[in-house]
């Protein structure tokens, strides 16, 4: 586990200056804190000022932590006393609003859960706080993380910061949009099928979906035991490695027995320490041709051009590219094995009825979807695909015979993936995160995503930016495009090294046009209140009850 011990005699004597939050990293925050150029309170105030001034562009924030400034003050006291520990000391971060926190409610973006207040932090949140992170607040998500459009009844529609006509991916789209706009140093997300990687791709960011079990899922609003994972979304590969190190320090958790699968070599591992020890030269990377859409079109061509350009860069760097044309790698066929509909109700019933969850809220999934508002319509958002999915989930369970068959087929595809790695002597496999550009606001679903293979097999994946579409009036710097780098289980160190080397091939990431704005820092007495814009929910998504 990384630790930092810095002695600074008196933070009150520091030369005060406004902290520039734009593209801030863990290292840049630590530089101003440990050199005495700024204080934790000023850094937090700078981010709060930016959120207050610019959140209307993207509607990424659901709530802010009322204790953030007090926490910053306590860290400043520790800094003055020379008692600074933790690799995330003073680092402002945002959490997807399905992480349990004692500071603010955990809503899942759902009106019926607006007052649902956990009495305990999720273990991953405890780890982040222990490392010194300051939780600024919560980000919007697709309601209950059930789709990739990042629209919810409590938070409204989050807007892609690069193109005001498009979604930010999802379901962790609020985190993706917020981090892209420099509302925090980094943020957290969850991933059941695509939900860490989709917003990273759509917002020119980096992320990692770790091997299932590396980080406990306890204290996260659940969907699927088989497929759920959690992780960070950030602006640099180094910050991915530091954040993963902290989040994975939770270790074994008896409440999530998947954590028992972690091998000793991956426990308490420092993923940042060896980040620069990798090389691209001599690597063998598989290219999943079945995960591309080579149909000519304005939504697919930019993705193919960006990926082809990255493949040429990798070859020039000494990578051997191996074409993978096996018919088993077809996202449409693989998606049939999705376990969510069988596992969702049972997991949600357990979560909603847990004694640590206080505040007014439904105690079962059926109760949540049976609620109605004062105007007679539902207290939650239902889009067509989500409506059908929940209807199925309410009637299905892990006791279904079909579920047993599906789990058997998942085992088969997991073995097939391992065979592909062995037969071709691969270090990793690459493909675009999404076959087409992230969809526009108003689409009924987030089409073309490739996350299902890793989700079912529990494989780790690093996502890196690889390019942009052409600039346009609505997308002045272009629409971001991302690539997935998939590895064998427990190969996070190697994948992070590959991602780090890819990042060094050329600075692909761009800042959203409006996010280049410098925001004057306010000196707050208390944390401001941010009210999400719920009037921007596209009318194509009817509100209703099941």
Protein backbone atom coordinates (compact mmCIF):
# COMPACT_ATOMS: atom_id res chain seq x y z
CA UNK A 1 0.00 0.00 0.00
CA UNK A 2 1.36 3.42 -0.92
CA UNK A 3 1.89 5.91 1.89
CA UNK A 4 3.03 9.50 1.96
CA UNK A 5 4.62 11.17 4.97
CA UNK A 6 5.33 14.86 4.51
CA UNK A 7 6.40 17.28 7.22
CA UNK A 8 5.13 20.83 6.84
CA UNK A 9 5.54 23.05 9.90
CA UNK A 10 2.61 25.45 9.64
CA UNK A 11 0.03 25.46 6.87
CA UNK A 12 -1.13 28.93 7.93
CA UNK A 13 2.18 30.33 6.68
CA UNK A 14 1.70 28.82 3.22
CA UNK A 15 1.75 31.15 0.26
CA UNK A 16 -1.94 31.17 -0.68
CA UNK A 17 -2.86 30.98 -4.34
CA UNK A 18 -5.89 29.88 -6.31
CA UNK A 19 -5.61 26.24 -7.30
CA UNK A 20 -6.23 25.47 -10.98
CA UNK A 21 -8.50 22.42 -11.00
CA UNK A 22 -8.34 21.91 -14.77
CA UNK A 23 -6.85 18.47 -15.55
CA UNK A 24 -5.59 18.23 -11.96
CA UNK A 25 -3.94 14.96 -10.96
CA UNK A 26 -3.06 13.35 -7.65
CA UNK A 27 0.52 14.55 -8.09
CA UNK A 28 -0.45 18.14 -8.94
CA UNK A 29 -2.68 18.41 -5.86
CA UNK A 30 0.04 16.96 -3.66
CA UNK A 31 2.54 19.41 -5.12
CA UNK A 32 0.56 22.48 -4.05
CA UNK A 33 -0.27 21.00 -0.65
CA UNK A 34 3.16 19.72 0.29
CA UNK A 35 5.05 22.72 -1.08
CA UNK A 36 2.80 25.10 0.85
CA UNK A 37 1.32 26.76 -2.23
CA UNK A 38 -2.25 25.97 -1.20
CA UNK A 39 -4.34 24.27 1.47
CA UNK A 40 -6.83 21.41 1.44
CA UNK A 41 -9.65 23.88 2.06
CA UNK A 42 -8.60 26.00 -0.90
CA UNK A 43 -8.30 22.96 -3.18
CA UNK A 44 -11.76 21.75 -2.17
CA UNK A 45 -13.17 25.27 -2.57
CA UNK A 46 -11.69 25.49 -6.06
CA UNK A 47 -13.47 22.30 -7.11
CA UNK A 48 -16.74 23.36 -5.47
CA UNK A 49 -16.53 26.71 -7.28
CA UNK A 50 -16.04 24.91 -10.57
CA UNK A 51 -18.99 22.61 -9.97
CA UNK A 52 -21.23 25.49 -8.94
CA UNK A 53 -20.25 27.54 -12.00
CA UNK A 54 -20.18 24.87 -14.70
CA UNK A 55 -22.38 21.91 -13.70
CA UNK A 56 -25.23 23.34 -15.79
CA UNK A 57 -23.26 22.37 -18.91
CA UNK A 58 -23.44 18.67 -18.10
CA UNK A 59 -25.79 18.04 -15.13
CA UNK A 60 -23.36 15.51 -13.72
CA UNK A 61 -23.74 16.16 -9.98
CA UNK A 62 -26.64 14.87 -7.88
CA UNK A 63 -25.46 16.06 -4.45
CA UNK A 64 -22.50 17.57 -2.63
CA UNK A 65 -21.10 16.42 0.69
CA UNK A 66 -21.99 19.03 3.36
CA UNK A 67 -18.96 17.90 5.38
CA UNK A 68 -16.37 18.37 2.61
CA UNK A 69 -14.99 21.69 3.91
CA UNK A 70 -14.84 20.43 7.49
CA UNK A 71 -12.91 17.37 6.34
CA UNK A 72 -10.54 19.62 4.41
CA UNK A 73 -9.97 21.70 7.55
CA UNK A 74 -9.12 18.59 9.57
CA UNK A 75 -6.61 17.54 6.93
CA UNK A 76 -5.06 21.00 7.01
CA UNK A 77 -4.59 20.57 10.75
CA UNK A 78 -2.87 17.23 10.10
CA UNK A 79 -0.71 18.92 7.47
CA UNK A 80 0.35 21.62 9.95
CA UNK A 81 1.25 18.94 12.50
CA UNK A 82 3.30 16.99 9.99
CA UNK A 83 0.88 14.09 10.31
CA UNK A 84 0.21 13.41 6.65
CA UNK A 85 -0.39 9.83 5.58
CA UNK A 86 -2.12 8.12 2.71
CA UNK A 87 -1.63 8.16 -1.06
CA UNK A 88 -4.84 10.18 -1.55
CA UNK A 89 -4.22 12.78 1.14
CA UNK A 90 -6.35 15.84 0.35
CA UNK A 91 -7.53 14.50 -3.03
CA UNK A 92 -11.11 15.59 -3.86
CA UNK A 93 -13.10 12.80 -5.49
CA UNK A 94 -16.67 12.11 -6.55
CA UNK A 95 -18.63 8.89 -6.05
CA UNK A 96 -21.26 7.42 -8.32
CA UNK A 97 -24.52 7.65 -6.40
CA UNK A 98 -24.82 3.92 -5.85
CA UNK A 99 -21.94 3.81 -3.32
CA UNK A 100 -23.17 3.76 0.29
CA UNK A 101 -21.98 6.79 2.28
CA UNK A 102 -22.82 8.05 5.75
CA UNK A 103 -22.33 11.67 4.62
CA UNK A 104 -25.14 11.86 2.05
CA UNK A 105 -28.03 9.62 0.91
CA UNK A 106 -27.39 6.87 -1.63
CA UNK A 107 -30.13 7.14 -4.22
CA UNK A 108 -29.21 5.28 -7.39
CA UNK A 109 -30.70 8.31 -9.13
CA UNK A 110 -34.13 7.11 -8.05
CA UNK A 111 -36.79 9.39 -6.55
CA UNK A 112 -38.07 6.60 -4.30
CA UNK A 113 -34.59 6.35 -2.74
CA UNK A 114 -34.02 10.10 -2.38
CA UNK A 115 -34.02 9.78 1.43
CA UNK A 116 -32.36 6.38 1.68
CA UNK A 117 -29.52 6.97 4.14
CA UNK A 118 -26.87 4.30 4.81
CA UNK A 119 -25.57 4.13 8.37
CA UNK A 120 -22.28 2.67 7.13
CA UNK A 121 -19.84 3.58 4.38
CA UNK A 122 -19.20 0.93 1.74
CA UNK A 123 -15.82 -0.76 2.43
CA UNK A 124 -14.43 0.81 -0.76
CA UNK A 125 -15.46 4.25 0.54
CA UNK A 126 -13.81 3.51 3.87
CA UNK A 127 -10.61 2.63 2.01
CA UNK A 128 -10.72 5.87 0.02
CA UNK A 129 -11.29 7.94 3.15
CA UNK A 130 -8.56 6.09 5.04
CA UNK A 131 -6.17 6.95 2.20
CA UNK A 132 -6.97 10.63 2.73
CA UNK A 133 -9.51 11.27 -0.04
CA UNK A 134 -12.13 13.99 0.43
CA UNK A 135 -15.57 12.94 -0.85
CA UNK A 136 -16.94 16.01 -2.64
CA UNK A 137 -20.30 14.46 -3.45
CA UNK A 138 -22.25 12.09 -5.67
CA UNK A 139 -22.67 11.90 -9.44
CA UNK A 140 -25.71 11.13 -11.55
CA UNK A 141 -26.07 7.73 -13.20
CA UNK A 142 -28.51 5.88 -15.32
CA UNK A 143 -31.33 5.14 -12.91
CA UNK A 144 -30.34 2.19 -10.69
CA UNK A 145 -27.46 1.59 -13.16
CA UNK A 146 -29.75 -0.37 -15.49
CA UNK A 147 -28.77 1.24 -18.82
CA UNK A 148 -26.06 3.30 -20.42
CA UNK A 149 -27.78 6.61 -21.13
CA UNK A 150 -27.21 8.23 -17.70
CA UNK A 151 -30.70 9.61 -17.25
CA UNK A 152 -32.59 9.30 -13.96
CA UNK A 153 -35.74 10.52 -12.27
CA UNK A 154 -33.73 12.18 -9.48
CA UNK A 155 -30.82 13.52 -11.52
CA UNK A 156 -32.28 14.11 -14.97
CA UNK A 157 -30.23 13.61 -18.14
CA UNK A 158 -26.46 13.99 -17.87
CA UNK A 159 -25.07 15.60 -21.02
CA UNK A 160 -21.83 14.63 -22.72
CA UNK A 161 -19.37 17.49 -22.09
CA UNK A 162 -17.91 17.08 -25.59
CA UNK A 163 -21.19 17.10 -27.51
CA UNK A 164 -24.33 18.63 -26.04
CA UNK A 165 -26.50 16.42 -28.27
CA UNK A 166 -25.09 13.14 -26.94
CA UNK A 167 -25.24 11.03 -23.81
CA UNK A 168 -22.06 10.60 -21.70
CA UNK A 169 -22.21 6.80 -21.83
CA UNK A 170 -23.16 4.97 -18.69
CA UNK A 171 -24.36 3.90 -16.38
CA UNK A 172 -21.53 5.81 -14.64
CA UNK A 173 -22.03 8.72 -17.03
CA UNK A 174 -22.23 11.35 -14.30
CA UNK A 175 -18.79 10.34 -13.08
CA UNK A 176 -17.40 10.31 -16.61
CA UNK A 177 -18.78 13.75 -17.44
CA UNK A 178 -17.68 15.20 -14.09
CA UNK A 179 -14.11 13.92 -14.36
CA UNK A 180 -13.82 15.06 -17.98
CA UNK A 181 -14.91 18.54 -16.85
CA UNK A 182 -12.42 18.55 -13.95
CA UNK A 183 -15.06 18.62 -11.22
CA UNK A 184 -12.78 16.32 -9.18
CA UNK A 185 -9.40 14.66 -9.49
CA UNK A 186 -11.08 11.34 -10.18
CA UNK A 187 -14.34 9.52 -9.60
CA UNK A 188 -15.70 6.06 -9.00
CA UNK A 189 -18.07 3.95 -11.03
CA UNK A 190 -19.56 0.48 -11.20
CA UNK A 191 -19.63 -1.97 -14.09
CA UNK A 192 -22.20 -4.71 -14.62
CA UNK A 193 -21.82 -4.89 -18.40
CA UNK A 194 -20.17 -1.68 -19.66
CA UNK A 195 -20.64 0.94 -17.01
CA UNK A 196 -17.05 1.87 -16.12
CA UNK A 197 -15.73 1.55 -19.64
CA UNK A 198 -18.56 3.21 -21.56
CA UNK A 199 -18.26 6.63 -19.84
CA UNK A 200 -14.45 6.43 -19.93
CA UNK A 201 -14.62 5.89 -23.70
CA UNK A 202 -17.26 8.59 -24.23
CA UNK A 203 -15.36 11.19 -22.17
CA UNK A 204 -11.73 10.65 -23.26
CA UNK A 205 -10.80 9.08 -19.93
CA UNK A 206 -9.01 6.06 -18.48
CA UNK A 207 -10.57 3.36 -16.33
CA UNK A 208 -10.13 -0.18 -15.13
CA UNK A 209 -12.71 -2.88 -14.63
CA UNK A 210 -10.78 -5.16 -12.23
CA UNK A 211 -11.03 -8.92 -12.05
CA UNK A 212 -14.23 -9.89 -10.24
CA UNK A 213 -13.39 -10.20 -6.55
CA UNK A 214 -10.40 -7.85 -6.45
CA UNK A 215 -12.55 -5.12 -4.84
CA UNK A 216 -15.51 -5.97 -2.62
CA UNK A 217 -18.95 -4.94 -3.90
CA UNK A 218 -20.45 -4.67 -0.39
CA UNK A 219 -22.25 -1.37 0.14
CA UNK A 220 -22.95 -0.84 -3.55
CA UNK A 221 -26.53 -0.90 -4.89
CA UNK A 222 -26.39 -4.31 -6.62
CA UNK A 223 -27.55 -5.73 -9.92
CA UNK A 224 -25.66 -8.98 -10.56
CA UNK A 225 -23.45 -11.10 -8.33
CA UNK A 226 -21.89 -12.67 -11.43
CA UNK A 227 -21.13 -9.44 -13.26
CA UNK A 228 -20.87 -6.49 -10.86
CA UNK A 229 -17.50 -4.83 -10.30
CA UNK A 230 -16.41 -1.38 -9.15
CA UNK A 231 -13.45 0.85 -9.96
CA UNK A 232 -12.08 4.32 -10.78
CA UNK A 233 -12.52 6.65 -13.77
CA UNK A 234 -9.65 9.13 -14.14
CA UNK A 235 -7.67 11.36 -16.50
CA UNK A 236 -4.28 9.56 -16.41
CA UNK A 237 -3.09 5.97 -16.17
CA UNK A 238 -0.93 6.77 -13.13
CA UNK A 239 -4.00 7.95 -11.24
CA UNK A 240 -5.82 4.76 -12.29
CA UNK A 241 -3.04 2.73 -10.68
CA UNK A 242 -3.03 4.73 -7.44
CA UNK A 243 -6.83 4.66 -7.14
CA UNK A 244 -6.98 0.92 -7.84
CA UNK A 245 -4.32 0.25 -5.22
CA UNK A 246 -6.42 2.04 -2.61
CA UNK A 247 -9.78 0.53 -3.61
CA UNK A 248 -8.34 -3.01 -3.75
CA UNK A 249 -6.89 -2.64 -0.23
CA UNK A 250 -10.29 -3.64 1.20
CA UNK A 251 -9.10 -7.26 1.05
CA UNK A 252 -11.26 -10.25 1.91
CA UNK A 253 -14.87 -9.46 2.78
CA UNK A 254 -17.07 -12.22 4.14
CA UNK A 255 -20.11 -10.31 2.86
CA UNK A 256 -18.80 -10.71 -0.71
CA UNK A 257 -17.31 -14.16 -1.05
CA UNK A 258 -15.94 -13.39 -4.53
CA UNK A 259 -13.11 -11.64 -2.65
CA UNK A 260 -11.90 -15.06 -1.50
CA UNK A 261 -10.78 -15.71 -5.10
CA UNK A 262 -7.99 -13.12 -4.96
CA UNK A 263 -4.59 -14.87 -5.12
CA UNK A 264 -1.99 -13.92 -2.47
CA UNK A 265 0.14 -12.18 -5.13
CA UNK A 266 -2.67 -9.70 -5.81
CA UNK A 267 -3.43 -8.81 -2.19
CA UNK A 268 -2.13 -5.45 -0.89
CA UNK A 269 -0.42 -4.90 -4.23
CA UNK A 270 0.96 -1.50 -5.23
CA UNK A 271 -0.14 -1.10 -8.85
CA UNK A 272 1.59 2.27 -9.24
CA UNK A 273 5.06 1.10 -8.17
CA UNK A 274 5.85 -0.83 -11.35
CA UNK A 275 3.75 1.18 -13.77
CA UNK A 276 6.73 2.36 -15.83
CA UNK A 277 8.40 -1.06 -16.00
CA UNK A 278 6.43 -2.30 -19.00
CA UNK A 279 7.14 -2.09 -22.71
CA UNK A 280 5.11 -2.47 -25.87
CA UNK A 281 7.96 -4.01 -27.85
CA UNK A 282 7.48 -7.74 -28.23
CA UNK A 283 3.90 -7.83 -26.94
CA UNK A 284 1.32 -9.98 -28.70
CA UNK A 285 -2.10 -8.33 -28.74
CA UNK A 286 -5.18 -10.02 -30.17
CA UNK A 287 -7.62 -7.94 -32.23
CA UNK A 288 -11.23 -9.13 -31.89
CA UNK A 289 -12.54 -8.50 -35.41
CA UNK A 290 -16.05 -9.53 -34.37
CA UNK A 291 -16.19 -6.53 -32.03
CA UNK A 292 -15.92 -4.02 -34.89
CA UNK A 293 -18.74 -2.72 -37.09
CA UNK A 294 -17.13 -2.17 -40.49
CA UNK A 295 -20.36 -0.90 -42.05
CA UNK A 296 -19.74 2.47 -43.68
CA UNK A 297 -21.47 5.26 -41.75
CA UNK A 298 -20.98 8.54 -39.90
CA UNK A 299 -21.34 6.84 -36.50
CA UNK A 300 -19.04 3.86 -37.20
CA UNK A 301 -16.32 5.29 -39.44
CA UNK A 302 -14.73 7.52 -36.76
CA UNK A 303 -14.42 4.53 -34.41
CA UNK A 304 -12.82 2.33 -37.07
CA UNK A 305 -10.44 5.08 -38.14
CA UNK A 306 -9.35 5.74 -34.56
CA UNK A 307 -8.82 2.04 -33.85
CA UNK A 308 -6.95 1.45 -37.11
CA UNK A 309 -4.73 4.42 -36.32
CA UNK A 310 -3.97 3.06 -32.85
CA UNK A 311 -3.20 -0.38 -34.24
CA UNK A 312 -0.66 1.20 -36.62
CA UNK A 313 0.93 3.06 -33.69
CA UNK A 314 1.15 -0.18 -31.71
CA UNK A 315 2.76 -2.00 -34.63
CA UNK A 316 5.28 0.82 -35.03
CA UNK A 317 6.09 0.42 -31.34
CA UNK A 318 6.96 -3.25 -31.85
CA UNK A 319 3.67 -4.95 -31.00
CA UNK A 320 2.68 -8.09 -32.88
CA UNK A 321 -1.01 -7.82 -33.72
CA UNK A 322 -2.87 -11.16 -33.94
CA UNK A 323 -6.21 -11.27 -35.79
CA UNK A 324 -8.91 -13.13 -33.84
CA UNK A 325 -11.79 -14.23 -36.07
CA UNK A 326 -13.37 -16.96 -33.94
CA UNK A 327 -17.16 -16.94 -34.32
CA UNK A 328 -17.72 -17.30 -30.58
CA UNK A 329 -16.81 -13.63 -30.11
CA UNK A 330 -20.11 -12.15 -31.21
CA UNK A 331 -21.59 -9.61 -28.79
CA UNK A 332 -25.17 -10.32 -29.85
CA UNK A 333 -24.83 -14.02 -29.08
CA UNK A 334 -22.84 -13.44 -25.89
CA UNK A 335 -25.40 -10.95 -24.56
CA UNK A 336 -27.97 -13.73 -24.30
CA UNK A 337 -25.96 -15.03 -21.35
CA UNK A 338 -26.47 -11.84 -19.30
CA UNK A 339 -27.35 -12.90 -15.73
CA UNK A 340 -28.81 -9.62 -14.47
CA UNK A 341 -32.46 -10.51 -14.87
CA UNK A 342 -32.05 -13.60 -12.69
CA UNK A 343 -29.96 -12.08 -9.91
CA UNK A 344 -31.29 -8.52 -9.65
CA UNK A 345 -34.45 -8.97 -7.57
CA UNK A 346 -32.86 -11.17 -4.91
CA UNK A 347 -29.85 -8.86 -4.51
CA UNK A 348 -31.97 -5.70 -4.40
CA UNK A 349 -34.36 -7.18 -1.85
CA UNK A 350 -31.38 -7.96 0.38
CA UNK A 351 -29.90 -4.49 -0.10
CA UNK A 352 -33.14 -2.57 0.48
CA UNK A 353 -34.00 -4.55 3.62
CA UNK A 354 -30.53 -4.36 5.18
CA UNK A 355 -30.69 -2.97 8.74
CA UNK A 356 -27.90 -0.46 8.01
CA UNK A 357 -30.15 1.35 5.53
CA UNK A 358 -32.24 4.03 7.25
CA UNK A 359 -34.47 6.81 5.98
CA UNK A 360 -37.76 6.37 4.16
CA UNK A 361 -37.35 3.88 1.31
CA UNK A 362 -39.01 0.75 -0.16
CA UNK A 363 -37.85 -2.51 1.40
CA UNK A 364 -38.16 -4.65 -1.77
CA UNK A 365 -37.64 -4.24 -5.49
CA UNK A 366 -41.31 -4.89 -6.11
CA UNK A 367 -42.17 -2.23 -3.55
CA UNK A 368 -39.83 0.21 -5.25
CA UNK A 369 -41.49 -0.30 -8.62
CA UNK A 370 -44.99 -0.21 -7.13
CA UNK A 371 -44.59 3.32 -5.78
CA UNK A 372 -46.53 6.19 -7.28
CA UNK A 373 -46.07 9.90 -6.89
CA UNK A 374 -48.59 12.52 -5.86
CA UNK A 375 -49.47 13.13 -9.49
CA UNK A 376 -50.25 9.48 -10.03
CA UNK A 377 -47.21 8.60 -12.14
CA UNK A 378 -44.23 6.56 -11.12
CA UNK A 379 -41.50 7.84 -8.82
CA UNK A 380 -38.82 6.49 -11.15
CA UNK A 381 -37.74 6.52 -14.74
CA UNK A 382 -38.61 3.69 -17.08
CA UNK A 383 -37.32 3.61 -20.65
CA UNK A 384 -38.62 0.92 -23.00
CA UNK A 385 -35.72 -1.53 -22.65
CA UNK A 386 -35.50 -0.97 -18.90
CA UNK A 387 -39.26 -1.50 -18.52
CA UNK A 388 -39.06 -4.88 -20.23
CA UNK A 389 -35.95 -5.84 -18.26
CA UNK A 390 -37.47 -5.10 -14.84
CA UNK A 391 -40.69 -6.93 -15.70
CA UNK A 392 -38.54 -9.98 -16.44
CA UNK A 393 -36.42 -9.52 -13.32
CA UNK A 394 -39.46 -9.37 -11.05
CA UNK A 395 -40.54 -12.78 -12.34
CA UNK A 396 -37.10 -14.46 -12.57
CA UNK A 397 -34.63 -15.76 -10.03
CA UNK A 398 -31.52 -17.87 -9.65
CA UNK A 399 -33.80 -20.86 -9.08
CA UNK A 400 -34.84 -20.87 -12.74
CA UNK A 401 -33.57 -23.82 -14.76
CA UNK A 402 -32.52 -21.38 -17.47
CA UNK A 403 -30.17 -19.69 -15.01
CA UNK A 404 -28.28 -22.93 -14.42
CA UNK A 405 -27.93 -23.43 -18.18
CA UNK A 406 -26.67 -19.88 -18.64
CA UNK A 407 -24.06 -20.27 -15.91
CA UNK A 408 -22.83 -23.42 -17.64
CA UNK A 409 -22.50 -21.53 -20.93
CA UNK A 410 -20.64 -18.71 -19.15
CA UNK A 411 -18.15 -21.29 -17.91
CA UNK A 412 -17.73 -22.50 -21.48
CA UNK A 413 -17.03 -19.04 -22.90
CA UNK A 414 -14.63 -18.34 -20.02
CA UNK A 415 -12.71 -21.49 -20.95
CA UNK A 416 -12.83 -20.53 -24.63
CA UNK A 417 -11.36 -17.12 -23.85
CA UNK A 418 -8.55 -18.73 -21.87
CA UNK A 419 -7.92 -21.06 -24.79
CA UNK A 420 -7.72 -18.10 -27.19
CA UNK A 421 -5.09 -16.51 -24.97
CA UNK A 422 -3.06 -19.72 -24.73
CA UNK A 423 -3.35 -20.82 -28.35
CA UNK A 424 -2.22 -17.43 -29.66
CA UNK A 425 0.24 -16.71 -26.84
CA UNK A 426 -1.45 -13.36 -26.18
CA UNK A 427 -0.56 -10.73 -23.61
CA UNK A 428 -3.94 -9.00 -24.01
CA UNK A 429 -6.85 -8.50 -26.42
CA UNK A 430 -7.99 -5.16 -27.83
CA UNK A 431 -11.18 -3.86 -29.44
CA UNK A 432 -13.21 -0.62 -29.44
CA UNK A 433 -15.33 -0.11 -26.34
CA UNK A 434 -18.20 0.86 -28.61
CA UNK A 435 -18.60 0.00 -32.29
CA UNK A 436 -20.18 3.39 -32.94
CA UNK A 437 -19.99 6.85 -31.39
CA UNK A 438 -21.79 7.24 -28.07
CA UNK A 439 -25.48 7.66 -28.87
CA UNK A 440 -27.44 10.89 -28.95
CA UNK A 441 -29.83 12.02 -26.23
CA UNK A 442 -33.26 10.55 -26.97
CA UNK A 443 -32.04 7.14 -28.13
CA UNK A 444 -33.82 4.28 -26.31
CA UNK A 445 -30.59 2.41 -25.50
CA UNK A 446 -26.80 2.71 -25.66
CA UNK A 447 -26.08 0.58 -28.73
CA UNK A 448 -22.91 -1.02 -30.00
CA UNK A 449 -21.02 -1.54 -26.75
CA UNK A 450 -18.61 -4.46 -26.32
CA UNK A 451 -18.42 -4.89 -22.56
CA UNK A 452 -20.33 -8.16 -22.20
CA UNK A 453 -17.33 -10.48 -22.74
CA UNK A 454 -15.38 -9.15 -19.74
CA UNK A 455 -18.55 -8.86 -17.67
CA UNK A 456 -19.44 -12.54 -18.01
CA UNK A 457 -15.91 -13.95 -17.73
CA UNK A 458 -14.86 -11.69 -14.84
CA UNK A 459 -11.82 -10.56 -16.81
CA UNK A 460 -9.95 -7.32 -16.10
CA UNK A 461 -10.08 -4.51 -18.68
CA UNK A 462 -8.26 -1.21 -18.97
CA UNK A 463 -9.92 1.48 -21.12
CA UNK A 464 -7.82 4.15 -22.85
CA UNK A 465 -8.66 7.04 -25.20
CA UNK A 466 -7.68 6.39 -28.82
CA UNK A 467 -9.16 9.30 -30.73
CA UNK A 468 -12.02 11.61 -31.64
CA UNK A 469 -14.53 12.05 -34.41
CA UNK A 470 -14.30 15.07 -36.67
CA UNK A 471 -15.12 18.40 -35.06
CA UNK A 472 -18.64 19.73 -35.54
CA UNK A 473 -20.85 22.55 -34.33
CA UNK A 474 -22.19 20.48 -31.42
CA UNK A 475 -18.82 18.78 -30.79
CA UNK A 476 -16.16 21.51 -31.12
CA UNK A 477 -13.27 19.20 -30.24
CA UNK A 478 -14.90 16.01 -31.55
CA UNK A 479 -16.61 13.05 -29.87
CA UNK A 480 -14.23 10.81 -27.84
CA UNK A 481 -13.50 7.18 -28.77
CA UNK A 482 -12.01 4.60 -26.41
CA UNK A 483 -10.35 1.18 -26.64
CA UNK A 484 -10.57 -1.77 -24.25
CA UNK A 485 -7.49 -3.82 -23.33
CA UNK A 486 -8.66 -7.15 -21.88
CA UNK A 487 -6.42 -9.56 -20.00
CA UNK A 488 -6.49 -12.82 -18.12
CA UNK A 489 -7.76 -12.75 -14.53
CA UNK A 490 -5.44 -11.08 -12.01
CA UNK A 491 -3.24 -9.45 -14.67
CA UNK A 492 -4.09 -5.89 -13.63
CA UNK A 493 -0.41 -4.97 -13.28
CA UNK A 494 0.35 -5.96 -16.88
CA UNK A 495 -2.77 -4.27 -18.26
CA UNK A 496 -1.96 -1.04 -16.43
CA UNK A 497 1.57 -1.13 -17.82
CA UNK A 498 0.22 -1.61 -21.34
CA UNK A 499 -2.26 1.22 -20.85
CA UNK A 500 0.52 3.46 -19.52
CA UNK A 501 2.66 2.76 -22.58
CA UNK A 502 -0.31 3.39 -24.89
CA UNK A 503 -0.88 6.73 -23.14
CA UNK A 504 2.74 7.65 -23.87
CA UNK A 505 2.36 6.97 -27.61
CA UNK A 506 0.77 10.40 -27.96
CA UNK A 507 -1.48 12.67 -25.93
CA UNK A 508 -4.90 11.60 -27.20
CA UNK A 509 -7.03 13.09 -24.42
CA UNK A 510 -8.55 16.50 -25.09
CA UNK A 511 -10.34 18.86 -22.72
CA UNK A 512 -14.00 19.69 -23.49
CA UNK A 513 -14.20 23.14 -25.06
CA UNK A 514 -16.22 24.80 -22.28
CA UNK A 515 -14.19 23.03 -19.59
CA UNK A 516 -11.15 25.10 -20.55
CA UNK A 517 -12.75 28.02 -18.70
CA UNK A 518 -10.96 29.33 -15.62
CA UNK A 519 -13.35 29.64 -12.66
CA UNK A 520 -12.66 32.12 -9.88
CA UNK A 521 -12.46 30.36 -6.52
CA UNK A 522 -15.07 31.30 -3.93
CA UNK A 523 -14.30 31.21 -0.22
CA UNK A 524 -17.18 29.19 1.19
CA UNK A 525 -18.45 29.18 4.74
CA UNK A 526 -20.41 26.04 3.92
CA UNK A 527 -20.76 23.69 0.97
CA UNK A 528 -23.19 25.04 -1.66
CA UNK A 529 -26.27 23.09 -2.70
CA UNK A 530 -26.39 21.78 -6.25
CA UNK A 531 -29.85 20.97 -7.59
CA UNK A 532 -29.90 18.58 -10.56
CA UNK A 533 -31.90 19.60 -13.62
CA UNK A 534 -34.69 17.04 -13.83
CA UNK A 535 -36.54 19.02 -16.47
CA UNK A 536 -34.21 17.76 -19.17
CA UNK A 537 -35.43 14.16 -19.27
CA UNK A 538 -36.17 13.37 -22.94
CA UNK A 539 -39.88 12.90 -23.54
CA UNK A 540 -39.20 9.65 -25.37
CA UNK A 541 -38.64 8.10 -21.92
CA UNK A 542 -42.13 7.80 -20.43
CA UNK A 543 -42.51 7.92 -16.67
CA UNK A 544 -44.73 5.15 -15.39
CA UNK A 545 -45.32 2.26 -13.04
CA UNK A 546 -44.94 -1.46 -13.50
